[in-house]
Structure formats: C-alpha cells, structure tokens
Amino acid sequence: MKLETTATCDCNLARETVEHYLLECPIHQNSRDDLDRRVQEIWNNSYAHGNLSITKELLLSATGTAKISREMNILIKRALFEFIESSGKLL
C-alpha cells in the first residue's frame, strides 16, 4: 500500500500535512502554480470583484466562502483533483 513510516514530507522541510501539501511543499510547486492559475481564472471568469486567496478551506470545503457559487466550487474541485493527479502524490 506504500504507507509512509514518517510524518515528514518528502521535501524534508515540514510535517506532511494537508496544508503543507496543498499550499507550501516545494516539490509540488509547478502543479500548485497551475492550480493557482486555474482557480484565479475561475474567479475572474465569474466577474467576481477583489482578490481571491487560495486557502485549504477554499480548496476543500463544500462552498469555500459565500462568494463562491456552486458552479465555481465544482470547477475549483476539478482543478484540485487535477493538481492531485499531476503531483503524483498517492493519497
């Protein structure tokens, strides 16, 4: 099953947490850059105003924030799953 024997991330910089994996780990920076671009495109295409901060809650929660419509949430989740797939990380 390829279970990890340590809580340390493969980057050896931090514990492997959801937040570290999604937002911080340098190993997945290229995939994360793509995810960031996709989420910002979704936000901009919805004619939303202001800046959108990409957070663990935005990526994982059912609605993220009151500013996120159901349709935007679905598109964000698709982008998240593409990030997971492109990162090659086994979950």
PDB file of N, CA and C in Angstrom:
ATOM      1  N   MET A   1       0.814  -1.199   0.000  1.00  0.00           N
ATOM      2  CA  MET A   1       0.000   0.000   0.000  1.00  0.00           C
ATOM      3  C   MET A   1       0.855   1.260   0.000  1.00  0.00           C
ATOM      4  N   LYS A   2       2.146   1.135   0.105  1.00  0.00           N
ATOM      5  CA  LYS A   2       3.063   2.262   0.099  1.00  0.00           C
ATOM      6  C   LYS A   2       2.757   3.251   1.218  1.00  0.00           C
ATOM      7  N   LEU A   3       2.529   2.757   2.410  1.00  0.00           N
ATOM      8  CA  LEU A   3       2.274   3.626   3.552  1.00  0.00           C
ATOM      9  C   LEU A   3       3.579   4.254   4.007  1.00  0.00           C
ATOM     10  N   GLU A   4       3.503   5.525   4.397  1.00  0.00           N
ATOM     11  CA  GLU A   4       4.673   6.242   4.883  1.00  0.00           C
ATOM     12  C   GLU A   4       4.966   5.827   6.317  1.00  0.00           C
ATOM     13  N   THR A   5       6.243   5.769   6.651  1.00  0.00           N
ATOM     14  CA  THR A   5       6.641   5.404   8.005  1.00  0.00           C
ATOM     15  C   THR A   5       6.998   6.631   8.834  1.00  0.00           C
ATOM     16  N   THR A   6       6.985   7.810   8.220  1.00  0.00           N
ATOM     17  CA  THR A   6       7.310   9.045   8.919  1.00  0.00           C
ATOM     18  C   THR A   6       6.307  10.126   8.554  1.00  0.00           C
ATOM     19  N   ALA A   7       6.152  11.083   9.454  1.00  0.00           N
ATOM     20  CA  ALA A   7       5.227  12.186   9.198  1.00  0.00           C
ATOM     21  C   ALA A   7       5.908  13.322   8.449  1.00  0.00           C
ATOM     22  N   THR A   8       7.193  13.189   8.187  1.00  0.00           N
ATOM     23  CA  THR A   8       7.936  14.227   7.488  1.00  0.00           C
ATOM     24  C   THR A   8       7.677  14.130   5.991  1.00  0.00           C
ATOM     25  N   CYS A   9       7.459  15.281   5.376  1.00  0.00           N
ATOM     26  CA  CYS A   9       7.235  15.342   3.934  1.00  0.00           C
ATOM     27  C   CYS A   9       8.501  14.940   3.199  1.00  0.00           C
ATOM     28  N   ASP A  10       8.349  14.488   1.972  1.00  0.00           N
ATOM     29  CA  ASP A  10       9.494  14.112   1.142  1.00  0.00           C
ATOM     30  C   ASP A  10      10.448  15.278   0.911  1.00  0.00           C
ATOM     31  N   CYS A  11       9.973  16.517   1.076  1.00  0.00           N
ATOM     32  CA  CYS A  11      10.841  17.677   0.897  1.00  0.00           C
ATOM     33  C   CYS A  11      11.761  17.889   2.101  1.00  0.00           C
ATOM     34  N   ASN A  12      11.474  17.195   3.197  1.00  0.00           N
ATOM     35  CA  ASN A  12      12.248  17.283   4.442  1.00  0.00           C
ATOM     36  C   ASN A  12      12.232  18.674   5.079  1.00  0.00           C
ATOM     37  N   LEU A  13      11.240  19.482   4.742  1.00  0.00           N
ATOM     38  CA  LEU A  13      11.149  20.830   5.304  1.00  0.00           C
ATOM     39  C   LEU A  13      10.064  20.972   6.363  1.00  0.00           C
ATOM     40  N   ALA A  14       9.124  20.038   6.400  1.00  0.00           N
ATOM     41  CA  ALA A  14       7.994  20.168   7.316  1.00  0.00           C
ATOM     42  C   ALA A  14       7.277  18.831   7.452  1.00  0.00           C
ATOM     43  N   ARG A  15       6.352  18.810   8.406  1.00  0.00           N
ATOM     44  CA  ARG A  15       5.459  17.653   8.515  1.00  0.00           C
ATOM     45  C   ARG A  15       4.576  17.615   7.279  1.00  0.00           C
ATOM     46  N   GLU A  16       4.225  16.418   6.878  1.00  0.00           N
ATOM     47  CA  GLU A  16       3.352  16.283   5.721  1.00  0.00           C
ATOM     48  C   GLU A  16       1.905  16.412   6.181  1.00  0.00           C
ATOM     49  N   THR A  17       1.408  17.621   6.090  1.00  0.00           N
ATOM     50  CA  THR A  17       0.010  17.902   6.422  1.00  0.00           C
ATOM     51  C   THR A  17      -0.728  18.262   5.138  1.00  0.00           C
ATOM     52  N   VAL A  18      -2.024  18.316   5.220  1.00  0.00           N
ATOM     53  CA  VAL A  18      -2.825  18.714   4.055  1.00  0.00           C
ATOM     54  C   VAL A  18      -2.431  20.123   3.631  1.00  0.00           C
ATOM     55  N   GLU A  19      -2.316  21.017   4.595  1.00  0.00           N
ATOM     56  CA  GLU A  19      -1.959  22.400   4.276  1.00  0.00           C
ATOM     57  C   GLU A  19      -0.576  22.488   3.624  1.00  0.00           C
ATOM     58  N   HIS A  20       0.389  21.754   4.156  1.00  0.00           N
ATOM     59  CA  HIS A  20       1.733  21.767   3.567  1.00  0.00           C
ATOM     60  C   HIS A  20       1.682  21.254   2.131  1.00  0.00           C
ATOM     61  N   TYR A  21       1.006  20.146   1.927  1.00  0.00           N
ATOM     62  CA  TYR A  21       0.915  19.556   0.585  1.00  0.00           C
ATOM     63  C   TYR A  21       0.239  20.507  -0.397  1.00  0.00           C
ATOM     64  N   LEU A  22      -0.893  21.074  -0.019  1.00  0.00           N
ATOM     65  CA  LEU A  22      -1.660  21.914  -0.937  1.00  0.00           C
ATOM     66  C   LEU A  22      -1.037  23.283  -1.175  1.00  0.00           C
ATOM     67  N   LEU A  23      -0.418  23.857  -0.141  1.00  0.00           N
ATOM     68  CA  LEU A  23      -0.054  25.269  -0.219  1.00  0.00           C
ATOM     69  C   LEU A  23       1.430  25.582  -0.108  1.00  0.00           C
ATOM     70  N   GLU A  24       2.253  24.636   0.367  1.00  0.00           N
ATOM     71  CA  GLU A  24       3.620  25.008   0.706  1.00  0.00           C
ATOM     72  C   GLU A  24       4.721  24.144   0.110  1.00  0.00           C
ATOM     73  N   CYS A  25       4.506  22.875  -0.068  1.00  0.00           N
ATOM     74  CA  CYS A  25       5.584  21.952  -0.419  1.00  0.00           C
ATOM     75  C   CYS A  25       6.254  22.343  -1.744  1.00  0.00           C
ATOM     76  N   PRO A  26       7.575  22.563  -1.707  1.00  0.00           N
ATOM     77  CA  PRO A  26       8.268  22.968  -2.936  1.00  0.00           C
ATOM     78  C   PRO A  26       8.310  21.868  -3.997  1.00  0.00           C
ATOM     79  N   ILE A  27       8.149  20.629  -3.608  1.00  0.00           N
ATOM     80  CA  ILE A  27       8.151  19.522  -4.575  1.00  0.00           C
ATOM     81  C   ILE A  27       7.004  19.671  -5.574  1.00  0.00           C
ATOM     82  N   HIS A  28       5.888  20.216  -5.119  1.00  0.00           N
ATOM     83  CA  HIS A  28       4.687  20.307  -5.953  1.00  0.00           C
ATOM     84  C   HIS A  28       4.429  21.732  -6.453  1.00  0.00           C
ATOM     85  N   GLN A  29       5.466  22.570  -6.464  1.00  0.00           N
ATOM     86  CA  GLN A  29       5.275  23.976  -6.818  1.00  0.00           C
ATOM     87  C   GLN A  29       4.739  24.166  -8.234  1.00  0.00           C
ATOM     88  N   ASN A  30       5.249  23.428  -9.212  1.00  0.00           N
ATOM     89  CA  ASN A  30       4.762  23.588 -10.590  1.00  0.00           C
ATOM     90  C   ASN A  30       3.288  23.224 -10.702  1.00  0.00           C
ATOM     91  N   SER A  31       2.901  22.133 -10.081  1.00  0.00           N
ATOM     92  CA  SER A  31       1.488  21.731 -10.088  1.00  0.00           C
ATOM     93  C   SER A  31       0.648  22.760  -9.348  1.00  0.00           C
ATOM     94  N   ARG A  32       1.183  23.291  -8.254  1.00  0.00           N
ATOM     95  CA  ARG A  32       0.466  24.305  -7.474  1.00  0.00           C
ATOM     96  C   ARG A  32       0.306  25.597  -8.271  1.00  0.00           C
ATOM     97  N   ASP A  33       1.317  25.970  -9.031  1.00  0.00           N
ATOM     98  CA  ASP A  33       1.214  27.159  -9.878  1.00  0.00           C
ATOM     99  C   ASP A  33       0.073  27.001 -10.886  1.00  0.00           C
ATOM    100  N   ASP A  34      -0.027  25.807 -11.471  1.00  0.00           N
ATOM    101  CA  ASP A  34      -1.140  25.530 -12.395  1.00  0.00           C
ATOM    102  C   ASP A  34      -2.477  25.619 -11.678  1.00  0.00           C
ATOM    103  N   LEU A  35      -2.565  25.056 -10.479  1.00  0.00           N
ATOM    104  CA  LEU A  35      -3.794  25.122  -9.689  1.00  0.00           C
ATOM    105  C   LEU A  35      -4.144  26.572  -9.388  1.00  0.00           C
ATOM    106  N   ASP A  36      -3.175  27.359  -8.968  1.00  0.00           N
ATOM    107  CA  ASP A  36      -3.421  28.772  -8.676  1.00  0.00           C
ATOM    108  C   ASP A  36      -3.958  29.503  -9.899  1.00  0.00           C
ATOM    109  N   ARG A  37      -3.343  29.269 -11.057  1.00  0.00           N
ATOM    110  CA  ARG A  37      -3.811  29.912 -12.290  1.00  0.00           C
ATOM    111  C   ARG A  37      -5.243  29.522 -12.613  1.00  0.00           C
ATOM    112  N   ARG A  38      -5.539  28.236 -12.479  1.00  0.00           N
ATOM    113  CA  ARG A  38      -6.897  27.767 -12.782  1.00  0.00           C
ATOM    114  C   ARG A  38      -7.933  28.395 -11.852  1.00  0.00           C
ATOM    115  N   VAL A  39      -7.632  28.428 -10.563  1.00  0.00           N
ATOM    116  CA  VAL A  39      -8.579  28.996  -9.593  1.00  0.00           C
ATOM    117  C   VAL A  39      -8.765  30.484  -9.858  1.00  0.00           C
ATOM    118  N   GLN A  40      -7.701  31.206 -10.151  1.00  0.00           N
ATOM    119  CA  GLN A  40      -7.823  32.633 -10.450  1.00  0.00           C
ATOM    120  C   GLN A  40      -8.631  32.849 -11.727  1.00  0.00           C
ATOM    121  N   GLU A  41      -8.469  31.982 -12.729  1.00  0.00           N
ATOM    122  CA  GLU A  41      -9.270  32.078 -13.953  1.00  0.00           C
ATOM    123  C   GLU A  41     -10.744  31.857 -13.651  1.00  0.00           C
ATOM    124  N   ILE A  42     -11.034  30.871 -12.821  1.00  0.00           N
ATOM    125  CA  ILE A  42     -12.419  30.605 -12.425  1.00  0.00           C
ATOM    126  C   ILE A  42     -13.007  31.836 -11.744  1.00  0.00           C
ATOM    127  N   TRP A  43     -12.243  32.422 -10.833  1.00  0.00           N
ATOM    128  CA  TRP A  43     -12.676  33.614 -10.107  1.00  0.00           C
ATOM    129  C   TRP A  43     -12.905  34.778 -11.069  1.00  0.00           C
ATOM    130  N   ASN A  44     -11.934  35.024 -11.941  1.00  0.00           N
ATOM    131  CA  ASN A  44     -12.041  36.150 -12.873  1.00  0.00           C
ATOM    132  C   ASN A  44     -13.161  35.950 -13.888  1.00  0.00           C
ATOM    133  N   ASN A  45     -13.359  34.714 -14.345  1.00  0.00           N
ATOM    134  CA  ASN A  45     -14.416  34.438 -15.319  1.00  0.00           C
ATOM    135  C   ASN A  45     -15.807  34.573 -14.725  1.00  0.00           C
ATOM    136  N   SER A  46     -15.891  34.569 -13.415  1.00  0.00           N
ATOM    137  CA  SER A  46     -17.197  34.723 -12.771  1.00  0.00           C
ATOM    138  C   SER A  46     -17.536  36.197 -12.556  1.00  0.00           C
ATOM    139  N   TYR A  47     -16.661  37.073 -13.026  1.00  0.00           N
ATOM    140  CA  TYR A  47     -16.822  38.515 -12.867  1.00  0.00           C
ATOM    141  C   TYR A  47     -16.856  38.928 -11.400  1.00  0.00           C
ATOM    142  N   ALA A  48     -16.174  38.166 -10.583  1.00  0.00           N
ATOM    143  CA  ALA A  48     -16.091  38.492  -9.165  1.00  0.00           C
ATOM    144  C   ALA A  48     -15.133  39.659  -8.970  1.00  0.00           C
ATOM    145  N   HIS A  49     -15.353  40.391  -7.919  1.00  0.00           N
ATOM    146  CA  HIS A  49     -14.520  41.550  -7.619  1.00  0.00           C
ATOM    147  C   HIS A  49     -13.573  41.223  -6.476  1.00  0.00           C
ATOM    148  N   GLY A  50     -12.445  41.898  -6.449  1.00  0.00           N
ATOM    149  CA  GLY A  50     -11.492  41.718  -5.367  1.00  0.00           C
ATOM    150  C   GLY A  50     -10.562  40.563  -5.626  1.00  0.00           C
ATOM    151  N   ASN A  51      -9.743  40.290  -4.640  1.00  0.00           N
ATOM    152  CA  ASN A  51      -8.767  39.214  -4.735  1.00  0.00           C
ATOM    153  C   ASN A  51      -9.302  37.948  -4.083  1.00  0.00           C
ATOM    154  N   LEU A  52      -8.880  36.838  -4.590  1.00  0.00           N
ATOM    155  CA  LEU A  52      -9.250  35.546  -4.025  1.00  0.00           C
ATOM    156  C   LEU A  52      -8.006  34.902  -3.447  1.00  0.00           C
ATOM    157  N   SER A  53      -8.013  34.662  -2.163  1.00  0.00           N
ATOM    158  CA  SER A  53      -6.904  33.974  -1.519  1.00  0.00           C
ATOM    159  C   SER A  53      -7.144  32.475  -1.595  1.00  0.00           C
ATOM    160  N   ILE A  54      -6.163  31.758  -2.072  1.00  0.00           N
ATOM    161  CA  ILE A  54      -6.290  30.309  -2.163  1.00  0.00           C
ATOM    162  C   ILE A  54      -5.876  29.723  -0.828  1.00  0.00           C
ATOM    163  N   THR A  55      -6.833  29.110  -0.174  1.00  0.00           N
ATOM    164  CA  THR A  55      -6.625  28.532   1.144  1.00  0.00           C
ATOM    165  C   THR A  55      -7.046  27.066   1.134  1.00  0.00           C
ATOM    166  N   LYS A  56      -6.640  26.386   2.179  1.00  0.00           N
ATOM    167  CA  LYS A  56      -7.058  24.992   2.349  1.00  0.00           C
ATOM    168  C   LYS A  56      -8.585  24.915   2.399  1.00  0.00           C
ATOM    169  N   GLU A  57      -9.210  25.864   3.087  1.00  0.00           N
ATOM    170  CA  GLU A  57     -10.678  25.860   3.211  1.00  0.00           C
ATOM    171  C   GLU A  57     -11.349  26.065   1.858  1.00  0.00           C
ATOM    172  N   LEU A  58     -10.817  26.961   1.047  1.00  0.00           N
ATOM    173  CA  LEU A  58     -11.381  27.186  -0.283  1.00  0.00           C
ATOM    174  C   LEU A  58     -11.302  25.918  -1.117  1.00  0.00           C
ATOM    175  N   LEU A  59     -10.160  25.237  -1.065  1.00  0.00           N
ATOM    176  CA  LEU A  59      -9.968  24.050  -1.887  1.00  0.00           C
ATOM    177  C   LEU A  59     -10.757  22.843  -1.406  1.00  0.00           C
ATOM    178  N   LEU A  60     -10.968  22.723  -0.095  1.00  0.00           N
ATOM    179  CA  LEU A  60     -11.555  21.504   0.449  1.00  0.00           C
ATOM    180  C   LEU A  60     -13.006  21.607   0.887  1.00  0.00           C
ATOM    181  N   SER A  61     -13.468  22.783   1.221  1.00  0.00           N
ATOM    182  CA  SER A  61     -14.815  22.879   1.777  1.00  0.00           C
ATOM    183  C   SER A  61     -15.884  22.786   0.698  1.00  0.00           C
ATOM    184  N   ALA A  62     -17.082  22.551   1.152  1.00  0.00           N
ATOM    185  CA  ALA A  62     -18.202  22.371   0.218  1.00  0.00           C
ATOM    186  C   ALA A  62     -18.498  23.649  -0.556  1.00  0.00           C
ATOM    187  N   THR A  63     -18.419  24.779   0.101  1.00  0.00           N
ATOM    188  CA  THR A  63     -18.712  26.026  -0.589  1.00  0.00           C
ATOM    189  C   THR A  63     -17.582  27.028  -0.497  1.00  0.00           C
ATOM    190  N   GLY A  64     -16.567  26.752   0.303  1.00  0.00           N
ATOM    191  CA  GLY A  64     -15.418  27.643   0.401  1.00  0.00           C
ATOM    192  C   GLY A  64     -15.737  28.934   1.107  1.00  0.00           C
ATOM    193  N   THR A  65     -16.502  29.769   0.477  1.00  0.00           N
ATOM    194  CA  THR A  65     -16.871  31.067   1.020  1.00  0.00           C
ATOM    195  C   THR A  65     -18.192  31.483   0.403  1.00  0.00           C
ATOM    196  N   ALA A  66     -18.842  32.447   1.007  1.00  0.00           N
ATOM    197  CA  ALA A  66     -20.134  32.911   0.494  1.00  0.00           C
ATOM    198  C   ALA A  66     -20.007  33.491  -0.912  1.00  0.00           C
ATOM    199  N   LYS A  67     -18.802  33.906  -1.285  1.00  0.00           N
ATOM    200  CA  LYS A  67     -18.579  34.486  -2.611  1.00  0.00           C
ATOM    201  C   LYS A  67     -18.451  33.425  -3.702  1.00  0.00           C
ATOM    202  N   ILE A  68     -18.348  32.160  -3.318  1.00  0.00           N
ATOM    203  CA  ILE A  68     -18.141  31.081  -4.274  1.00  0.00           C
ATOM    204  C   ILE A  68     -19.477  30.410  -4.585  1.00  0.00           C
ATOM    205  N   SER A  69     -19.867  30.457  -5.840  1.00  0.00           N
ATOM    206  CA  SER A  69     -21.113  29.808  -6.250  1.00  0.00           C
ATOM    207  C   SER A  69     -20.909  28.301  -6.346  1.00  0.00           C
ATOM    208  N   ARG A  70     -21.998  27.592  -6.460  1.00  0.00           N
ATOM    209  CA  ARG A  70     -21.934  26.130  -6.607  1.00  0.00           C
ATOM    210  C   ARG A  70     -21.138  25.755  -7.857  1.00  0.00           C
ATOM    211  N   GLU A  71     -21.380  26.472  -8.946  1.00  0.00           N
ATOM    212  CA  GLU A  71     -20.685  26.188 -10.199  1.00  0.00           C
ATOM    213  C   GLU A  71     -19.186  26.448 -10.068  1.00  0.00           C
ATOM    214  N   MET A  72     -18.830  27.560  -9.408  1.00  0.00           N
ATOM    215  CA  MET A  72     -17.411  27.859  -9.192  1.00  0.00           C
ATOM    216  C   MET A  72     -16.777  26.788  -8.324  1.00  0.00           C
ATOM    217  N   ASN A  73     -17.492  26.343  -7.297  1.00  0.00           N
ATOM    218  CA  ASN A  73     -16.980  25.320  -6.400  1.00  0.00           C
ATOM    219  C   ASN A  73     -16.679  24.029  -7.167  1.00  0.00           C
ATOM    220  N   ILE A  74     -17.559  23.642  -8.065  1.00  0.00           N
ATOM    221  CA  ILE A  74     -17.346  22.436  -8.870  1.00  0.00           C
ATOM    222  C   ILE A  74     -16.089  22.582  -9.720  1.00  0.00           C
ATOM    223  N   LEU A  75     -15.900  23.737 -10.338  1.00  0.00           N
ATOM    224  CA  LEU A  75     -14.720  23.966 -11.169  1.00  0.00           C
ATOM    225  C   LEU A  75     -13.442  23.985 -10.330  1.00  0.00           C
ATOM    226  N   ILE A  76     -13.518  24.558  -9.132  1.00  0.00           N
ATOM    227  CA  ILE A  76     -12.360  24.574  -8.243  1.00  0.00           C
ATOM    228  C   ILE A  76     -11.999  23.152  -7.824  1.00  0.00           C
ATOM    229  N   LYS A  77     -13.005  22.337  -7.530  1.00  0.00           N
ATOM    230  CA  LYS A  77     -12.724  20.948  -7.141  1.00  0.00           C
ATOM    231  C   LYS A  77     -12.100  20.180  -8.300  1.00  0.00           C
ATOM    232  N   ARG A  78     -12.538  20.427  -9.519  1.00  0.00           N
ATOM    233  CA  ARG A  78     -11.925  19.772 -10.684  1.00  0.00           C
ATOM    234  C   ARG A  78     -10.449  20.169 -10.781  1.00  0.00           C
ATOM    235  N   ALA A  79     -10.171  21.451 -10.591  1.00  0.00           N
ATOM    236  CA  ALA A  79      -8.783  21.925 -10.625  1.00  0.00           C
ATOM    237  C   ALA A  79      -7.972  21.284  -9.508  1.00  0.00           C
ATOM    238  N   LEU A  80      -8.567  21.129  -8.338  1.00  0.00           N
ATOM    239  CA  LEU A  80      -7.885  20.489  -7.213  1.00  0.00           C
ATOM    240  C   LEU A  80      -7.534  19.039  -7.547  1.00  0.00           C
ATOM    241  N   PHE A  81      -8.474  18.299  -8.123  1.00  0.00           N
ATOM    242  CA  PHE A  81      -8.197  16.909  -8.462  1.00  0.00           C
ATOM    243  C   PHE A  81      -7.150  16.796  -9.565  1.00  0.00           C
ATOM    244  N   GLU A  82      -7.112  17.746 -10.470  1.00  0.00           N
ATOM    245  CA  GLU A  82      -6.058  17.762 -11.477  1.00  0.00           C
ATOM    246  C   GLU A  82      -4.699  18.025 -10.815  1.00  0.00           C
ATOM    247  N   PHE A  83      -4.673  18.908  -9.811  1.00  0.00           N
ATOM    248  CA  PHE A  83      -3.440  19.153  -9.051  1.00  0.00           C
ATOM    249  C   PHE A  83      -2.976  17.863  -8.387  1.00  0.00           C
ATOM    250  N   ILE A  84      -3.879  17.173  -7.730  1.00  0.00           N
ATOM    251  CA  ILE A  84      -3.520  15.936  -7.042  1.00  0.00           C
ATOM    252  C   ILE A  84      -2.967  14.924  -8.031  1.00  0.00           C
ATOM    253  N   GLU A  85      -3.636  14.780  -9.164  1.00  0.00           N
ATOM    254  CA  GLU A  85      -3.174  13.828 -10.166  1.00  0.00           C
ATOM    255  C   GLU A  85      -1.806  14.227 -10.721  1.00  0.00           C
ATOM    256  N   SER A  86      -1.638  15.502 -11.042  1.00  0.00           N
ATOM    257  CA  SER A  86      -0.368  15.928 -11.646  1.00  0.00           C
ATOM    258  C   SER A  86       0.793  15.901 -10.643  1.00  0.00           C
ATOM    259  N   SER A  87       0.471  16.020  -9.346  1.00  0.00           N
ATOM    260  CA  SER A  87       1.536  15.987  -8.342  1.00  0.00           C
ATOM    261  C   SER A  87       2.104  14.576  -8.181  1.00  0.00           C
ATOM    262  N   GLY A  88       1.327  13.573  -8.598  1.00  0.00           N
ATOM    263  CA  GLY A  88       1.785  12.194  -8.474  1.00  0.00           C
ATOM    264  C   GLY A  88       1.742  11.662  -7.053  1.00  0.00           C
ATOM    265  N   LYS A  89       1.147  12.416  -6.152  1.00  0.00           N
ATOM    266  CA  LYS A  89       1.088  12.025  -4.746  1.00  0.00           C
ATOM    267  C   LYS A  89       0.019  10.951  -4.553  1.00  0.00           C
ATOM    268  N   LEU A  90       0.394   9.882  -3.889  1.00  0.00           N
ATOM    269  CA  LEU A  90      -0.572   8.845  -3.544  1.00  0.00           C
ATOM    270  C   LEU A  90      -1.248   9.243  -2.256  1.00  0.00           C
ATOM    271  N   LEU A  91      -2.543   9.321  -2.261  1.00  0.00           N
ATOM    272  CA  LEU A  91      -3.282   9.739  -1.075  1.00  0.00           C
ATOM    273  C   LEU A  91      -3.879   8.551  -0.362  1.00  0.00           C
TER     274      LEU A  91
END
